[in-house]
């Protein structure tokens, strides 16, 4: 059995660790609420632009945007991977990266080329170690995503699709379900289809000024960017929720370990006292 001093040192160490995890749990809870508010605030814009894009996809216009045209042969695929910059959030990144890796292997087995864009330090590090064909990446987004930080990486993939370097563009991120559940998902970004965008009642179009091409070109790019931004917001809300749950679990486990160590310490202390008493009694009997 370990000595009393060693056990006291272990108890002190676990107590210090529990203070850290408890503080991180409270910080994550605060950030989670802010992330959820940010996600809810972005939904009206996303819903409105989704409605507009749905009408455009069903409209009988003289101009059809390349993002709305499905290609017959798919030889190359682009993938945007969204992860967190920091760890200590349970299996959040692991589950998402496992989904991405399995899908990448399936595409490679079909002989399709891959181009990757990584948003978040964990995904960037994983794809670098994997030796993937990284075309763009963004790290250090902080606790609040800003569109101007994402546009560069998104534009690289959109330009690749427009030039015909990739025939499909997918996005993989962690969707926020509730505080206790986050789900890794992979969605098709390009080409946009009426089913993916949403159904529009009837067939009608807009009046464009100055011309349909310039307006629709900008709108489609803004639409895809809004999808990526919403995915990043969802991933950040999921990250803070997963971190809060992970830190709460760590704090609870630390409390359990402290209780077990204190029990061991008390047993060791009682054994030492009993031994001292026995020695005193034995010495007194020998003297007598």
C-alpha atoms as a PDB file:
ATOM      1  CA  UNK A   1       0.000   0.000   0.000  1.00  0.00           C
ATOM      2  CA  UNK A   2       1.281   3.473  -0.853  1.00  0.00           C
ATOM      3  CA  UNK A   3       2.450   5.719   1.962  1.00  0.00           C
ATOM      4  CA  UNK A   4       0.228   8.405   3.473  1.00  0.00           C
ATOM      5  CA  UNK A   5       2.355  11.227   2.083  1.00  0.00           C
ATOM      6  CA  UNK A   6       2.172   9.821  -1.448  1.00  0.00           C
ATOM      7  CA  UNK A   7      -1.613   9.423  -1.225  1.00  0.00           C
ATOM      8  CA  UNK A   8      -2.012  13.006   0.050  1.00  0.00           C
ATOM      9  CA  UNK A   9       0.031  14.213  -2.933  1.00  0.00           C
ATOM     10  CA  UNK A  10      -2.239  12.296  -5.326  1.00  0.00           C
ATOM     11  CA  UNK A  11      -5.361  13.717  -3.681  1.00  0.00           C
ATOM     12  CA  UNK A  12      -4.010  17.259  -3.986  1.00  0.00           C
ATOM     13  CA  UNK A  13      -3.125  16.692  -7.643  1.00  0.00           C
ATOM     14  CA  UNK A  14      -6.587  15.345  -8.524  1.00  0.00           C
ATOM     15  CA  UNK A  15      -8.252  18.206  -6.624  1.00  0.00           C
ATOM     16  CA  UNK A  16      -6.245  20.736  -8.668  1.00  0.00           C
ATOM     17  CA  UNK A  17      -7.233  18.939 -11.877  1.00  0.00           C
ATOM     18  CA  UNK A  18     -10.891  19.007 -10.827  1.00  0.00           C
ATOM     19  CA  UNK A  19     -10.709  22.776 -10.269  1.00  0.00           C
ATOM     20  CA  UNK A  20      -9.445  23.201 -13.854  1.00  0.00           C
ATOM     21  CA  UNK A  21     -12.082  20.938 -15.431  1.00  0.00           C
ATOM     22  CA  UNK A  22     -14.838  22.620 -13.406  1.00  0.00           C
ATOM     23  CA  UNK A  23     -13.716  26.042 -14.606  1.00  0.00           C
ATOM     24  CA  UNK A  24     -13.532  24.817 -18.222  1.00  0.00           C
ATOM     25  CA  UNK A  25     -17.033  23.354 -17.875  1.00  0.00           C
ATOM     26  CA  UNK A  26     -18.433  26.729 -16.768  1.00  0.00           C
ATOM     27  CA  UNK A  27     -16.601  28.593 -19.546  1.00  0.00           C
ATOM     28  CA  UNK A  28     -17.855  26.101 -22.162  1.00  0.00           C
ATOM     29  CA  UNK A  29     -21.424  26.476 -20.855  1.00  0.00           C
ATOM     30  CA  UNK A  30     -21.226  30.252 -21.290  1.00  0.00           C
ATOM     31  CA  UNK A  31     -19.727  29.970 -24.779  1.00  0.00           C
ATOM     32  CA  UNK A  32     -22.296  27.328 -25.728  1.00  0.00           C
ATOM     33  CA  UNK A  33     -25.167  29.696 -24.997  1.00  0.00           C
ATOM     34  CA  UNK A  34     -23.553  32.410 -27.094  1.00  0.00           C
ATOM     35  CA  UNK A  35     -22.900  29.940 -29.932  1.00  0.00           C
ATOM     36  CA  UNK A  36     -26.537  28.815 -29.891  1.00  0.00           C
ATOM     37  CA  UNK A  37     -27.727  32.418 -30.004  1.00  0.00           C
ATOM     38  CA  UNK A  38     -25.400  33.083 -32.954  1.00  0.00           C
ATOM     39  CA  UNK A  39     -26.704  30.007 -34.736  1.00  0.00           C
ATOM     40  CA  UNK A  40     -30.347  31.037 -34.187  1.00  0.00           C
ATOM     41  CA  UNK A  41     -29.594  34.584 -35.350  1.00  0.00           C
ATOM     42  CA  UNK A  42     -28.191  33.327 -38.671  1.00  0.00           C
ATOM     43  CA  UNK A  43     -31.183  31.121 -39.472  1.00  0.00           C
ATOM     44  CA  UNK A  44     -33.584  33.821 -40.822  1.00  0.00           C
ATOM     45  CA  UNK A  45     -31.018  34.914 -43.426  1.00  0.00           C
ATOM     46  CA  UNK A  46     -30.258  31.307 -44.360  1.00  0.00           C
ATOM     47  CA  UNK A  47     -33.954  30.482 -44.716  1.00  0.00           C
ATOM     48  CA  UNK A  48     -34.628  33.539 -46.878  1.00  0.00           C
ATOM     49  CA  UNK A  49     -31.718  32.965 -49.243  1.00  0.00           C
ATOM     50  CA  UNK A  50     -32.677  29.264 -49.392  1.00  0.00           C
ATOM     51  CA  UNK A  51     -36.179  30.297 -50.493  1.00  0.00           C
ATOM     52  CA  UNK A  52     -34.795  32.617 -53.173  1.00  0.00           C
ATOM     53  CA  UNK A  53     -32.420  29.930 -54.447  1.00  0.00           C
ATOM     54  CA  UNK A  54     -35.311  27.445 -54.538  1.00  0.00           C
ATOM     55  CA  UNK A  55     -37.314  29.747 -56.818  1.00  0.00           C
ATOM     56  CA  UNK A  56     -34.275  30.236 -59.059  1.00  0.00           C
ATOM     57  CA  UNK A  57     -33.703  26.491 -59.356  1.00  0.00           C
ATOM     58  CA  UNK A  58     -37.290  25.977 -60.538  1.00  0.00           C
ATOM     59  CA  UNK A  59     -37.520  29.098 -62.676  1.00  0.00           C
ATOM     60  CA  UNK A  60     -37.596  28.840 -66.462  1.00  0.00           C
ATOM     61  CA  UNK A  61     -34.945  31.490 -66.994  1.00  0.00           C
ATOM     62  CA  UNK A  62     -32.797  32.035 -70.053  1.00  0.00           C
ATOM     63  CA  UNK A  63     -29.671  31.763 -67.884  1.00  0.00           C
ATOM     64  CA  UNK A  64     -28.796  28.645 -65.887  1.00  0.00           C
ATOM     65  CA  UNK A  65     -26.028  29.061 -63.318  1.00  0.00           C
ATOM     66  CA  UNK A  66     -23.233  26.406 -63.415  1.00  0.00           C
ATOM     67  CA  UNK A  67     -23.921  25.571 -59.767  1.00  0.00           C
ATOM     68  CA  UNK A  68     -27.382  24.326 -60.767  1.00  0.00           C
ATOM     69  CA  UNK A  69     -26.186  22.068 -63.609  1.00  0.00           C
ATOM     70  CA  UNK A  70     -25.540  18.432 -62.711  1.00  0.00           C
ATOM     71  CA  UNK A  71     -22.544  16.904 -64.473  1.00  0.00           C
ATOM     72  CA  UNK A  72     -22.937  13.546 -66.157  1.00  0.00           C
ATOM     73  CA  UNK A  73     -19.501  12.158 -65.225  1.00  0.00           C
ATOM     74  CA  UNK A  74     -17.963  12.711 -61.777  1.00  0.00           C
ATOM     75  CA  UNK A  75     -14.182  12.277 -61.896  1.00  0.00           C
ATOM     76  CA  UNK A  76     -12.985  14.629 -59.143  1.00  0.00           C
ATOM     77  CA  UNK A  77     -14.606  15.521 -55.830  1.00  0.00           C
ATOM     78  CA  UNK A  78     -13.996  18.436 -53.472  1.00  0.00           C
ATOM     79  CA  UNK A  79     -14.518  18.147 -49.727  1.00  0.00           C
ATOM     80  CA  UNK A  80     -14.713  20.915 -47.105  1.00  0.00           C
ATOM     81  CA  UNK A  81     -13.914  19.505 -43.647  1.00  0.00           C
ATOM     82  CA  UNK A  82     -15.004  21.607 -40.651  1.00  0.00           C
ATOM     83  CA  UNK A  83     -13.458  20.829 -37.277  1.00  0.00           C
ATOM     84  CA  UNK A  84     -12.530  22.681 -34.092  1.00  0.00           C
ATOM     85  CA  UNK A  85      -9.247  24.461 -33.416  1.00  0.00           C
ATOM     86  CA  UNK A  86      -8.946  23.038 -29.891  1.00  0.00           C
ATOM     87  CA  UNK A  87      -9.383  19.639 -28.302  1.00  0.00           C
ATOM     88  CA  UNK A  88     -10.863  18.503 -24.981  1.00  0.00           C
ATOM     89  CA  UNK A  89     -14.310  18.129 -26.540  1.00  0.00           C
ATOM     90  CA  UNK A  90     -14.821  14.379 -26.348  1.00  0.00           C
ATOM     91  CA  UNK A  91     -15.190  12.455 -29.592  1.00  0.00           C
ATOM     92  CA  UNK A  92     -16.507  15.423 -31.594  1.00  0.00           C
ATOM     93  CA  UNK A  93     -13.592  15.711 -34.035  1.00  0.00           C
ATOM     94  CA  UNK A  94     -12.829  11.990 -34.024  1.00  0.00           C
ATOM     95  CA  UNK A  95     -16.329  11.040 -35.165  1.00  0.00           C
ATOM     96  CA  UNK A  96     -16.401  13.695 -37.891  1.00  0.00           C
ATOM     97  CA  UNK A  97     -12.919  12.835 -39.187  1.00  0.00           C
ATOM     98  CA  UNK A  98     -13.758   9.122 -39.175  1.00  0.00           C
ATOM     99  CA  UNK A  99     -16.804   9.844 -41.353  1.00  0.00           C
ATOM    100  CA  UNK A 100     -14.657  11.924 -43.723  1.00  0.00           C
ATOM    101  CA  UNK A 101     -11.888   9.317 -43.878  1.00  0.00           C
ATOM    102  CA  UNK A 102     -14.272   6.448 -44.644  1.00  0.00           C
ATOM    103  CA  UNK A 103     -15.980   8.444 -47.398  1.00  0.00           C
ATOM    104  CA  UNK A 104     -12.614   9.471 -48.866  1.00  0.00           C
ATOM    105  CA  UNK A 105     -11.521   5.837 -48.999  1.00  0.00           C
ATOM    106  CA  UNK A 106     -14.785   4.934 -50.753  1.00  0.00           C
ATOM    107  CA  UNK A 107     -14.243   7.662 -53.362  1.00  0.00           C
ATOM    108  CA  UNK A 108     -10.624   6.636 -53.910  1.00  0.00           C
ATOM    109  CA  UNK A 109     -11.670   3.015 -54.405  1.00  0.00           C
ATOM    110  CA  UNK A 110     -13.933   4.261 -57.215  1.00  0.00           C
ATOM    111  CA  UNK A 111     -10.944   5.964 -58.842  1.00  0.00           C
ATOM    112  CA  UNK A 112     -12.067   9.524 -58.125  1.00  0.00           C
ATOM    113  CA  UNK A 113      -9.640  12.355 -57.404  1.00  0.00           C
ATOM    114  CA  UNK A 114      -9.968  14.388 -54.209  1.00  0.00           C
ATOM    115  CA  UNK A 115      -9.326  18.019 -53.295  1.00  0.00           C
ATOM    116  CA  UNK A 116      -9.641  19.004 -49.639  1.00  0.00           C
ATOM    117  CA  UNK A 117     -10.315  22.284 -47.868  1.00  0.00           C
ATOM    118  CA  UNK A 118      -9.846  22.204 -44.078  1.00  0.00           C
ATOM    119  CA  UNK A 119     -11.525  24.662 -41.712  1.00  0.00           C
ATOM    120  CA  UNK A 120     -10.201  24.221 -38.175  1.00  0.00           C
ATOM    121  CA  UNK A 121      -6.830  23.163 -36.807  1.00  0.00           C
ATOM    122  CA  UNK A 122      -7.781  19.575 -35.941  1.00  0.00           C
ATOM    123  CA  UNK A 123      -9.023  18.793 -39.446  1.00  0.00           C
ATOM    124  CA  UNK A 124      -6.028  20.552 -41.018  1.00  0.00           C
ATOM    125  CA  UNK A 125      -3.588  18.524 -38.922  1.00  0.00           C
ATOM    126  CA  UNK A 126      -5.385  15.257 -39.703  1.00  0.00           C
ATOM    127  CA  UNK A 127      -5.457  15.871 -43.455  1.00  0.00           C
ATOM    128  CA  UNK A 128      -1.786  16.915 -43.412  1.00  0.00           C
ATOM    129  CA  UNK A 129      -0.776  13.694 -41.644  1.00  0.00           C
ATOM    130  CA  UNK A 130      -2.949  11.756 -44.074  1.00  0.00           C
ATOM    131  CA  UNK A 131      -1.125  13.290 -47.041  1.00  0.00           C
ATOM    132  CA  UNK A 132      -4.388  14.522 -48.580  1.00  0.00           C
ATOM    133  CA  UNK A 133      -4.499  16.958 -51.501  1.00  0.00           C
ATOM    134  CA  UNK A 134      -5.080  20.149 -49.479  1.00  0.00           C
ATOM    135  CA  UNK A 135      -6.096  23.121 -51.607  1.00  0.00           C
ATOM    136  CA  UNK A 136      -6.959  25.604 -48.842  1.00  0.00           C
ATOM    137  CA  UNK A 137      -7.282  25.815 -45.097  1.00  0.00           C
ATOM    138  CA  UNK A 138      -8.377  28.212 -42.349  1.00  0.00           C
ATOM    139  CA  UNK A 139      -7.340  27.951 -38.683  1.00  0.00           C
ATOM    140  CA  UNK A 140      -7.622  30.148 -35.620  1.00  0.00           C
ATOM    141  CA  UNK A 141     -11.243  31.206 -36.104  1.00  0.00           C
ATOM    142  CA  UNK A 142     -11.704  31.841 -32.384  1.00  0.00           C
ATOM    143  CA  UNK A 143     -15.068  31.600 -30.656  1.00  0.00           C
ATOM    144  CA  UNK A 144     -16.914  33.718 -33.216  1.00  0.00           C
ATOM    145  CA  UNK A 145     -16.855  32.840 -36.947  1.00  0.00           C
ATOM    146  CA  UNK A 146     -16.480  35.732 -39.379  1.00  0.00           C
ATOM    147  CA  UNK A 147     -17.407  35.398 -43.022  1.00  0.00           C
ATOM    148  CA  UNK A 148     -14.382  37.382 -44.193  1.00  0.00           C
ATOM    149  CA  UNK A 149     -12.109  34.712 -42.683  1.00  0.00           C
ATOM    150  CA  UNK A 150     -13.931  31.912 -44.511  1.00  0.00           C
ATOM    151  CA  UNK A 151     -14.388  33.460 -47.953  1.00  0.00           C
ATOM    152  CA  UNK A 152     -10.829  32.766 -49.153  1.00  0.00           C
ATOM    153  CA  UNK A 153     -10.920  29.015 -48.493  1.00  0.00           C
ATOM    154  CA  UNK A 154     -14.464  28.713 -49.893  1.00  0.00           C
ATOM    155  CA  UNK A 155     -13.593  30.661 -53.048  1.00  0.00           C
ATOM    156  CA  UNK A 156     -10.745  28.276 -53.870  1.00  0.00           C
ATOM    157  CA  UNK A 157     -13.193  25.362 -53.963  1.00  0.00           C
ATOM    158  CA  UNK A 158     -15.889  27.303 -55.845  1.00  0.00           C
ATOM    159  CA  UNK A 159     -13.356  28.384 -58.474  1.00  0.00           C
ATOM    160  CA  UNK A 160     -12.200  24.782 -58.828  1.00  0.00           C
ATOM    161  CA  UNK A 161     -15.809  23.722 -59.446  1.00  0.00           C
ATOM    162  CA  UNK A 162     -16.400  26.522 -61.962  1.00  0.00           C
ATOM    163  CA  UNK A 163     -13.210  25.619 -63.867  1.00  0.00           C
ATOM    164  CA  UNK A 164     -14.176  21.949 -63.979  1.00  0.00           C
ATOM    165  CA  UNK A 165     -11.352  20.787 -61.709  1.00  0.00           C
ATOM    166  CA  UNK A 166     -13.929  19.144 -59.440  1.00  0.00           C
ATOM    167  CA  UNK A 167     -17.359  17.840 -60.411  1.00  0.00           C
ATOM    168  CA  UNK A 168     -18.933  17.714 -56.936  1.00  0.00           C
ATOM    169  CA  UNK A 169     -18.366  19.628 -53.716  1.00  0.00           C
ATOM    170  CA  UNK A 170     -19.245  18.101 -50.342  1.00  0.00           C
ATOM    171  CA  UNK A 171     -19.075  19.464 -46.808  1.00  0.00           C
ATOM    172  CA  UNK A 172     -18.519  17.500 -43.588  1.00  0.00           C
ATOM    173  CA  UNK A 173     -19.225  18.990 -40.162  1.00  0.00           C
ATOM    174  CA  UNK A 174     -20.903  18.233 -36.825  1.00  0.00           C
ATOM    175  CA  UNK A 175     -24.564  19.208 -36.631  1.00  0.00           C
ATOM    176  CA  UNK A 176     -25.932  20.490 -33.327  1.00  0.00           C
ATOM    177  CA  UNK A 177     -28.936  18.426 -32.210  1.00  0.00           C
ATOM    178  CA  UNK A 178     -29.071  19.336 -28.522  1.00  0.00           C
ATOM    179  CA  UNK A 179     -26.695  19.814 -25.616  1.00  0.00           C
ATOM    180  CA  UNK A 180     -26.162  16.082 -25.157  1.00  0.00           C
ATOM    181  CA  UNK A 181     -26.157  15.031 -28.820  1.00  0.00           C
ATOM    182  CA  UNK A 182     -24.114  16.175 -31.806  1.00  0.00           C
ATOM    183  CA  UNK A 183     -24.161  14.337 -35.114  1.00  0.00           C
ATOM    184  CA  UNK A 184     -21.410  14.250 -37.784  1.00  0.00           C
ATOM    185  CA  UNK A 185     -22.949  14.748 -41.237  1.00  0.00           C
ATOM    186  CA  UNK A 186     -21.768  14.978 -44.834  1.00  0.00           C
ATOM    187  CA  UNK A 187     -23.818  16.998 -47.328  1.00  0.00           C
ATOM    188  CA  UNK A 188     -23.600  17.775 -51.028  1.00  0.00           C
ATOM    189  CA  UNK A 189     -22.987  21.479 -51.678  1.00  0.00           C
ATOM    190  CA  UNK A 190     -22.544  21.480 -55.449  1.00  0.00           C
ATOM    191  CA  UNK A 191     -24.311  20.978 -57.745  1.00  0.00           C
ATOM    192  CA  UNK A 192     -27.356  22.513 -56.094  1.00  0.00           C
ATOM    193  CA  UNK A 193     -30.573  20.683 -56.813  1.00  0.00           C
ATOM    194  CA  UNK A 194     -34.175  21.665 -56.286  1.00  0.00           C
ATOM    195  CA  UNK A 195     -34.597  18.802 -53.818  1.00  0.00           C
ATOM    196  CA  UNK A 196     -31.589  19.928 -51.778  1.00  0.00           C
ATOM    197  CA  UNK A 197     -32.501  23.610 -51.795  1.00  0.00           C
ATOM    198  CA  UNK A 198     -36.175  23.086 -51.133  1.00  0.00           C
ATOM    199  CA  UNK A 199     -39.344  22.966 -53.120  1.00  0.00           C
ATOM    200  CA  UNK A 200     -40.846  26.099 -54.535  1.00  0.00           C
ATOM    201  CA  UNK A 201     -44.577  26.313 -55.071  1.00  0.00           C
ATOM    202  CA  UNK A 202     -45.252  27.051 -58.699  1.00  0.00           C
ATOM    203  CA  UNK A 203     -42.746  28.240 -61.279  1.00  0.00           C
ATOM    204  CA  UNK A 204     -41.957  31.905 -61.135  1.00  0.00           C
ATOM    205  CA  UNK A 205     -38.962  34.134 -61.564  1.00  0.00           C
ATOM    206  CA  UNK A 206     -37.652  37.518 -60.469  1.00  0.00           C
ATOM    207  CA  UNK A 207     -37.171  40.770 -62.330  1.00  0.00           C
ATOM    208  CA  UNK A 208     -33.423  41.320 -62.565  1.00  0.00           C
ATOM    209  CA  UNK A 209     -31.596  44.609 -62.656  1.00  0.00           C
ATOM    210  CA  UNK A 210     -29.249  45.154 -64.437  1.00  0.00           C
ATOM    211  CA  UNK A 211     -29.241  41.569 -65.827  1.00  0.00           C
ATOM    212  CA  UNK A 212     -30.003  38.037 -64.706  1.00  0.00           C
ATOM    213  CA  UNK A 213     -26.451  36.694 -65.077  1.00  0.00           C
ATOM    214  CA  UNK A 214     -24.689  39.141 -62.746  1.00  0.00           C
ATOM    215  CA  UNK A 215     -27.414  38.949 -60.093  1.00  0.00           C
ATOM    216  CA  UNK A 216     -27.676  35.145 -60.116  1.00  0.00           C
ATOM    217  CA  UNK A 217     -23.889  34.706 -60.138  1.00  0.00           C
ATOM    218  CA  UNK A 218     -23.528  36.753 -56.973  1.00  0.00           C
ATOM    219  CA  UNK A 219     -26.570  35.160 -55.345  1.00  0.00           C
ATOM    220  CA  UNK A 220     -25.361  31.588 -55.884  1.00  0.00           C
ATOM    221  CA  UNK A 221     -21.957  32.375 -54.422  1.00  0.00           C
ATOM    222  CA  UNK A 222     -23.566  34.075 -51.403  1.00  0.00           C
ATOM    223  CA  UNK A 223     -25.855  31.083 -51.004  1.00  0.00           C
ATOM    224  CA  UNK A 224     -23.002  28.565 -50.850  1.00  0.00           C
ATOM    225  CA  UNK A 225     -21.043  30.823 -48.515  1.00  0.00           C
ATOM    226  CA  UNK A 226     -24.050  31.052 -46.200  1.00  0.00           C
ATOM    227  CA  UNK A 227     -24.299  27.245 -46.132  1.00  0.00           C
ATOM    228  CA  UNK A 228     -20.642  26.963 -45.119  1.00  0.00           C
ATOM    229  CA  UNK A 229     -21.007  29.719 -42.510  1.00  0.00           C
ATOM    230  CA  UNK A 230     -24.035  27.981 -40.994  1.00  0.00           C
ATOM    231  CA  UNK A 231     -22.087  24.706 -40.912  1.00  0.00           C
ATOM    232  CA  UNK A 232     -19.250  26.449 -39.051  1.00  0.00           C
ATOM    233  CA  UNK A 233     -21.744  27.975 -36.593  1.00  0.00           C
ATOM    234  CA  UNK A 234     -23.334  24.552 -36.045  1.00  0.00           C
ATOM    235  CA  UNK A 235     -19.907  22.994 -35.509  1.00  0.00           C
ATOM    236  CA  UNK A 236     -18.930  25.655 -32.960  1.00  0.00           C
ATOM    237  CA  UNK A 237     -22.153  25.164 -31.001  1.00  0.00           C
ATOM    238  CA  UNK A 238     -21.513  21.411 -31.072  1.00  0.00           C
ATOM    239  CA  UNK A 239     -17.911  21.952 -29.945  1.00  0.00           C
ATOM    240  CA  UNK A 240     -18.848  23.974 -26.875  1.00  0.00           C
ATOM    241  CA  UNK A 241     -21.628  21.537 -25.952  1.00  0.00           C
ATOM    242  CA  UNK A 242     -19.308  18.543 -26.302  1.00  0.00           C
ATOM    243  CA  UNK A 243     -16.592  20.314 -24.289  1.00  0.00           C
ATOM    244  CA  UNK A 244     -19.026  21.183 -21.506  1.00  0.00           C
ATOM    245  CA  UNK A 245     -20.225  17.572 -21.283  1.00  0.00           C
ATOM    246  CA  UNK A 246     -16.653  16.218 -21.429  1.00  0.00           C
ATOM    247  CA  UNK A 247     -15.445  18.573 -18.703  1.00  0.00           C
ATOM    248  CA  UNK A 248     -18.454  17.765 -16.500  1.00  0.00           C
ATOM    249  CA  UNK A 249     -17.684  14.073 -16.906  1.00  0.00           C
ATOM    250  CA  UNK A 250     -14.032  14.717 -16.047  1.00  0.00           C
ATOM    251  CA  UNK A 251     -15.032  16.700 -12.950  1.00  0.00           C
ATOM    252  CA  UNK A 252     -17.383  13.929 -11.805  1.00  0.00           C
ATOM    253  CA  UNK A 253     -14.694  11.292 -12.377  1.00  0.00           C
ATOM    254  CA  UNK A 254     -12.166  13.384 -10.445  1.00  0.00           C
ATOM    255  CA  UNK A 255     -14.609  13.626  -7.530  1.00  0.00           C
ATOM    256  CA  UNK A 256     -14.978   9.835  -7.555  1.00  0.00           C
ATOM    257  CA  UNK A 257     -11.203   9.333  -7.650  1.00  0.00           C
ATOM    258  CA  UNK A 258     -10.736  11.776  -4.746  1.00  0.00           C
ATOM    259  CA  UNK A 259     -13.271   9.817  -2.680  1.00  0.00           C
ATOM    260  CA  UNK A 260     -11.496   6.529  -3.417  1.00  0.00           C
ATOM    261  CA  UNK A 261      -8.078   8.008  -2.593  1.00  0.00           C
ATOM    262  CA  UNK A 262      -9.367   9.432   0.688  1.00  0.00           C
ATOM    263  CA  UNK A 263     -10.700   6.007   1.605  1.00  0.00           C
ATOM    264  CA  UNK A 264      -7.303   4.454   0.861  1.00  0.00           C
ATOM    265  CA  UNK A 265      -5.603   7.222   2.844  1.00  0.00           C
ATOM    266  CA  UNK A 266      -7.852   6.636   5.861  1.00  0.00           C
ATOM    267  CA  UNK A 267      -7.176   2.883   5.708  1.00  0.00           C
ATOM    268  CA  UNK A 268      -3.427   3.487   5.531  1.00  0.00           C
ATOM    269  CA  UNK A 269      -3.618   5.968   8.416  1.00  0.00           C
ATOM    270  CA  UNK A 270      -5.696   3.555  10.511  1.00  0.00           C
ATOM    271  CA  UNK A 271      -3.235   0.753   9.781  1.00  0.00           C
ATOM    272  CA  UNK A 272      -0.332   2.955  10.874  1.00  0.00           C
ATOM    273  CA  UNK A 273      -2.126   3.921  14.124  1.00  0.00           C
ATOM    274  CA  UNK A 274      -2.979   0.284  14.841  1.00  0.00           C
ATOM    275  CA  UNK A 275       0.633  -0.681  14.235  1.00  0.00           C
ATOM    276  CA  UNK A 276       1.890   2.027  16.628  1.00  0.00           C
ATOM    277  CA  UNK A 277      -0.560   0.926  19.328  1.00  0.00           C
ATOM    278  CA  UNK A 278       0.501  -2.695  18.893  1.00  0.00           C
ATOM    279  CA  UNK A 279       4.146  -1.704  19.213  1.00  0.00           C
ATOM    280  CA  UNK A 280       3.448   0.318  22.390  1.00  0.00           C
ATOM    281  CA  UNK A 281       1.437  -2.534  23.914  1.00  0.00           C
ATOM    282  CA  UNK A 282       4.126  -5.043  22.958  1.00  0.00           C
ATOM    283  CA  UNK A 283       6.882  -2.848  24.422  1.00  0.00           C
ATOM    284  CA  UNK A 284       4.953  -2.345  27.664  1.00  0.00           C
ATOM    285  CA  UNK A 285       4.376  -6.101  27.966  1.00  0.00           C
ATOM    286  CA  UNK A 286       8.078  -6.776  27.417  1.00  0.00           C
ATOM    287  CA  UNK A 287       9.058  -4.285  30.135  1.00  0.00           C
ATOM    288  CA  UNK A 288       6.590  -5.792  32.566  1.00  0.00           C
END
